[in-house]
C-alpha atoms as a PDB file:
ATOM      1  CA  MET A   1      -7.963  11.703  33.856  1.00  0.00           C
ATOM      2  CA  ASP A   2      -6.216   9.166  31.638  1.00  0.00           C
ATOM      3  CA  THR A   3      -3.614  11.093  29.624  1.00  0.00           C
ATOM      4  CA  GLN A   4      -2.583   8.124  27.468  1.00  0.00           C
ATOM      5  CA  PRO A   5      -5.026   8.876  24.578  1.00  0.00           C
ATOM      6  CA  VAL A   6      -3.915  12.538  24.613  1.00  0.00           C
ATOM      7  CA  ARG A   7      -0.235  11.625  24.403  1.00  0.00           C
ATOM      8  CA  PHE A   8      -0.929   8.945  21.770  1.00  0.00           C
ATOM      9  CA  LEU A   9      -2.704  11.443  19.515  1.00  0.00           C
ATOM     10  CA  LEU A  10      -0.067  14.126  20.153  1.00  0.00           C
ATOM     11  CA  VAL A  11       2.698  11.781  19.020  1.00  0.00           C
ATOM     12  CA  HIS A  12       0.899  10.443  15.954  1.00  0.00           C
ATOM     13  CA  GLY A  13      -0.557  13.803  14.949  1.00  0.00           C
ATOM     14  CA  SER A  14       2.961  15.240  15.113  1.00  0.00           C
ATOM     15  CA  ILE A  15       4.286  12.434  12.902  1.00  0.00           C
ATOM     16  CA  VAL A  16       1.573  13.017  10.282  1.00  0.00           C
ATOM     17  CA  LEU A  17       2.280  16.766  10.454  1.00  0.00           C
ATOM     18  CA  LEU A  18       6.005  16.095   9.948  1.00  0.00           C
ATOM     19  CA  VAL A  19       5.317  13.881   6.920  1.00  0.00           C
ATOM     20  CA  GLY A  20       3.188  16.702   5.498  1.00  0.00           C
ATOM     21  CA  LEU A  21       5.935  19.239   6.070  1.00  0.00           C
ATOM     22  CA  LEU A  22       8.502  16.937   4.462  1.00  0.00           C
ATOM     23  CA  ALA A  23       6.187  16.489   1.464  1.00  0.00           C
ATOM     24  CA  GLY A  24       6.801  20.190   0.910  1.00  0.00           C
ATOM     25  CA  ILE A  25      10.325  19.391  -0.275  1.00  0.00           C
ATOM     26  CA  PRO A  26       9.328  17.427  -3.410  1.00  0.00           C
ATOM     27  CA  PHE A  27       6.517  19.977  -3.914  1.00  0.00           C
ATOM     28  CA  TRP A  28       9.110  22.747  -3.983  1.00  0.00           C
ATOM     29  CA  VAL A  29      11.421  20.704  -6.243  1.00  0.00           C
ATOM     30  CA  ALA A  30       8.566  20.059  -8.696  1.00  0.00           C
ATOM     31  CA  ILE A  31       7.856  23.803  -8.857  1.00  0.00           C
ATOM     32  CA  ILE A  32      11.446  24.953  -9.379  1.00  0.00           C
ATOM     33  CA  ARG A  33      12.095  22.246 -11.995  1.00  0.00           C
ATOM     34  CA  GLY A  34       8.985  23.268 -13.900  1.00  0.00           C
ATOM     35  CA  GLN A  35       7.505  19.779 -13.826  1.00  0.00           C
ATOM     36  CA  GLU A  36       4.067  19.026 -15.245  1.00  0.00           C
ATOM     37  CA  SER A  37       1.127  20.595 -13.460  1.00  0.00           C
ATOM     38  CA  SER A  38      -0.159  17.146 -12.437  1.00  0.00           C
ATOM     39  CA  VAL A  39       3.091  16.446 -10.550  1.00  0.00           C
ATOM     40  CA  VAL A  40       3.011  19.839  -8.823  1.00  0.00           C
ATOM     41  CA  ARG A  41      -0.659  19.323  -7.958  1.00  0.00           C
ATOM     42  CA  ALA A  42      -0.041  15.861  -6.481  1.00  0.00           C
ATOM     43  CA  TRP A  43       2.701  17.130  -4.170  1.00  0.00           C
ATOM     44  CA  ARG A  44       0.662  20.216  -3.235  1.00  0.00           C
ATOM     45  CA  VAL A  45      -2.262  17.985  -2.261  1.00  0.00           C
ATOM     46  CA  ALA A  46       0.008  15.681  -0.246  1.00  0.00           C
ATOM     47  CA  HIS A  47       1.702  18.621   1.483  1.00  0.00           C
ATOM     48  CA  THR A  48      -1.423  20.575   2.402  1.00  0.00           C
ATOM     49  CA  THR A  49      -3.656  17.601   3.212  1.00  0.00           C
ATOM     50  CA  LEU A  50      -1.165  15.979   5.549  1.00  0.00           C
ATOM     51  CA  ILE A  51      -0.422  19.234   7.351  1.00  0.00           C
ATOM     52  CA  THR A  52      -4.156  19.766   7.789  1.00  0.00           C
ATOM     53  CA  CYS A  53      -4.676  16.175   8.912  1.00  0.00           C
ATOM     54  CA  GLY A  54      -1.806  16.335  11.412  1.00  0.00           C
ATOM     55  CA  LEU A  55      -3.090  19.604  12.849  1.00  0.00           C
ATOM     56  CA  ALA A  56      -6.613  18.160  13.124  1.00  0.00           C
ATOM     57  CA  ILE A  57      -5.266  15.188  15.090  1.00  0.00           C
ATOM     58  CA  LEU A  58      -3.381  17.581  17.378  1.00  0.00           C
ATOM     59  CA  VAL A  59      -6.556  19.596  17.966  1.00  0.00           C
ATOM     60  CA  VAL A  60      -8.472  16.417  18.810  1.00  0.00           C
ATOM     61  CA  SER A  61      -5.722  15.345  21.210  1.00  0.00           C
ATOM     62  CA  LEU A  62      -5.644  18.670  23.043  1.00  0.00           C
ATOM     63  CA  THR A  63      -9.418  18.957  23.307  1.00  0.00           C
ATOM     64  CA  SER A  64     -10.112  15.280  24.090  1.00  0.00           C
ATOM     65  CA  PRO A  65     -10.068  15.773  27.894  1.00  0.00           C
ATOM     66  CA  HIS A  66     -13.169  17.935  27.432  1.00  0.00           C
ATOM     67  CA  LEU A  67     -15.120  15.258  25.549  1.00  0.00           C
ATOM     68  CA  VAL A  68     -17.837  13.259  27.253  1.00  0.00           C
ATOM     69  CA  LEU A  69     -17.182   9.785  25.848  1.00  0.00           C
ATOM     70  CA  SER A  70     -17.137   6.243  27.159  1.00  0.00           C
ATOM     71  CA  ALA A  71     -13.794   4.472  27.475  1.00  0.00           C
ATOM     72  CA  GLY A  72     -14.581   2.460  24.347  1.00  0.00           C
ATOM     73  CA  LEU A  73     -15.321   5.544  22.271  1.00  0.00           C
ATOM     74  CA  ARG A  74     -12.131   7.209  23.527  1.00  0.00           C
ATOM     75  CA  ILE A  75     -10.123   4.205  22.359  1.00  0.00           C
ATOM     76  CA  PHE A  76     -11.984   4.203  19.038  1.00  0.00           C
ATOM     77  CA  LEU A  77     -11.334   7.942  18.602  1.00  0.00           C
ATOM     78  CA  LYS A  78      -7.586   7.655  19.099  1.00  0.00           C
ATOM     79  CA  TRP A  79      -7.183   4.657  16.773  1.00  0.00           C
ATOM     80  CA  VAL A  80      -9.471   5.928  14.020  1.00  0.00           C
ATOM     81  CA  PHE A  81      -7.646   9.260  13.766  1.00  0.00           C
ATOM     82  CA  ALA A  82      -4.216   7.596  13.810  1.00  0.00           C
ATOM     83  CA  ALA A  83      -5.278   5.103  11.120  1.00  0.00           C
ATOM     84  CA  SER A  84      -6.763   7.907   9.039  1.00  0.00           C
ATOM     85  CA  GLY A  85      -3.623  10.032   9.248  1.00  0.00           C
ATOM     86  CA  TYR A  86      -1.247   7.215   8.360  1.00  0.00           C
ATOM     87  CA  SER A  87      -3.488   5.943   5.556  1.00  0.00           C
ATOM     88  CA  PHE A  88      -3.597   9.379   3.987  1.00  0.00           C
ATOM     89  CA  ALA A  89       0.173   9.777   4.473  1.00  0.00           C
ATOM     90  CA  PHE A  90       0.842   6.510   2.668  1.00  0.00           C
ATOM     91  CA  ALA A  91      -1.626   7.049  -0.164  1.00  0.00           C
ATOM     92  CA  LEU A  92      -0.794  10.683  -0.855  1.00  0.00           C
ATOM     93  CA  VAL A  93       2.996  10.452  -0.642  1.00  0.00           C
ATOM     94  CA  VAL A  94       3.338   7.186  -2.557  1.00  0.00           C
ATOM     95  CA  GLY A  95       0.736   8.304  -5.097  1.00  0.00           C
ATOM     96  CA  ALA A  96       2.518  11.606  -5.713  1.00  0.00           C
ATOM     97  CA  GLY A  97       5.861   9.832  -5.882  1.00  0.00           C
ATOM     98  CA  ILE A  98       4.766   7.379  -8.566  1.00  0.00           C
ATOM     99  CA  GLY A  99       2.330   9.652 -10.386  1.00  0.00           C
ATOM    100  CA  ARG A 100      -0.914   7.860  -9.508  1.00  0.00           C
ATOM    101  CA  ARG A 101      -4.061   9.518  -8.178  1.00  0.00           C
ATOM    102  CA  ALA A 102      -5.840   6.212  -7.464  1.00  0.00           C
ATOM    103  CA  LEU A 103      -9.346   7.644  -7.553  1.00  0.00           C
ATOM    104  CA  THR A 104     -10.586   4.153  -8.402  1.00  0.00           C
ATOM    105  CA  PRO A 105      -9.255   0.759  -7.303  1.00  0.00           C
ATOM    106  CA  MET A 106      -8.608  -0.291 -10.902  1.00  0.00           C
ATOM    107  CA  PRO A 107      -6.322  -1.525 -12.325  1.00  0.00           C
ATOM    108  CA  LEU A 108      -5.673  -3.993  -9.537  1.00  0.00           C
ATOM    109  CA  GLY A 109      -2.346  -3.674  -7.776  1.00  0.00           C
ATOM    110  CA  ILE A 110      -0.771  -0.467  -6.523  1.00  0.00           C
ATOM    111  CA  ASN A 111      -3.852   1.511  -7.595  1.00  0.00           C
ATOM    112  CA  THR A 112      -6.000  -0.698  -5.373  1.00  0.00           C
ATOM    113  CA  LEU A 113      -3.611  -0.229  -2.452  1.00  0.00           C
ATOM    114  CA  LEU A 114      -3.535   3.546  -2.854  1.00  0.00           C
ATOM    115  CA  PHE A 115      -7.316   3.693  -3.295  1.00  0.00           C
ATOM    116  CA  MET A 116      -7.711   1.738  -0.038  1.00  0.00           C
ATOM    117  CA  GLY A 117      -5.404   4.243   1.668  1.00  0.00           C
ATOM    118  CA  HIS A 118      -7.621   7.101   0.525  1.00  0.00           C
ATOM    119  CA  LEU A 119     -10.764   5.198   1.528  1.00  0.00           C
ATOM    120  CA  ILE A 120      -9.490   4.348   5.026  1.00  0.00           C
ATOM    121  CA  GLY A 121      -8.227   7.904   5.466  1.00  0.00           C
ATOM    122  CA  ALA A 122     -11.520   9.489   4.455  1.00  0.00           C
ATOM    123  CA  ALA A 123     -13.715   7.034   6.359  1.00  0.00           C
ATOM    124  CA  GLY A 124     -11.563   7.406   9.467  1.00  0.00           C
ATOM    125  CA  ALA A 125     -11.671  11.187   9.314  1.00  0.00           C
ATOM    126  CA  ILE A 126     -15.460  11.190   8.932  1.00  0.00           C
ATOM    127  CA  LEU A 127     -16.096   8.597  11.660  1.00  0.00           C
ATOM    128  CA  GLY A 128     -13.610  10.243  14.004  1.00  0.00           C
ATOM    129  CA  SER A 129     -15.154  13.660  13.412  1.00  0.00           C
ATOM    130  CA  CYS A 130     -18.626  12.265  14.158  1.00  0.00           C
ATOM    131  CA  VAL A 131     -17.434  10.707  17.436  1.00  0.00           C
ATOM    132  CA  PHE A 132     -15.588  13.928  18.304  1.00  0.00           C
ATOM    133  CA  LEU A 133     -18.718  15.994  17.695  1.00  0.00           C
ATOM    134  CA  TYR A 134     -20.807  13.506  19.688  1.00  0.00           C
ATOM    135  CA  GLY A 135     -18.372  13.886  22.606  1.00  0.00           C
ATOM    136  CA  LEU A 136     -18.743  17.654  22.492  1.00  0.00           C
ATOM    137  CA  LEU A 137     -22.551  17.607  22.658  1.00  0.00           C
END
């Protein structure tokens, strides 16, 4: 069995998990300083989403030896989950830090960049989950 995809996902899932845990610090600061509810919400979303995303990548890594997938789909699975995790990490942390939700790509500029981070994160999570489920069947 090739353990490289497992190790790859373990490393990158752990990094995304760590970013999510670290996002708990500004979340905590926003709460104790009594900042606006939108600021608290943004850091809560970043904190919980990235922890969840990191844990999901770790689960995929640990269960991937049991998947029945071609070599190409295994490579796709590892890269799509890593890209998804890092895209979400960028978009959620930067967005919370500058006070932008970026639910649309407009106005052009940082909003577009953050929106693309959310889009790549969501698309990667969905595609990766579909391939993961396919490998289980």
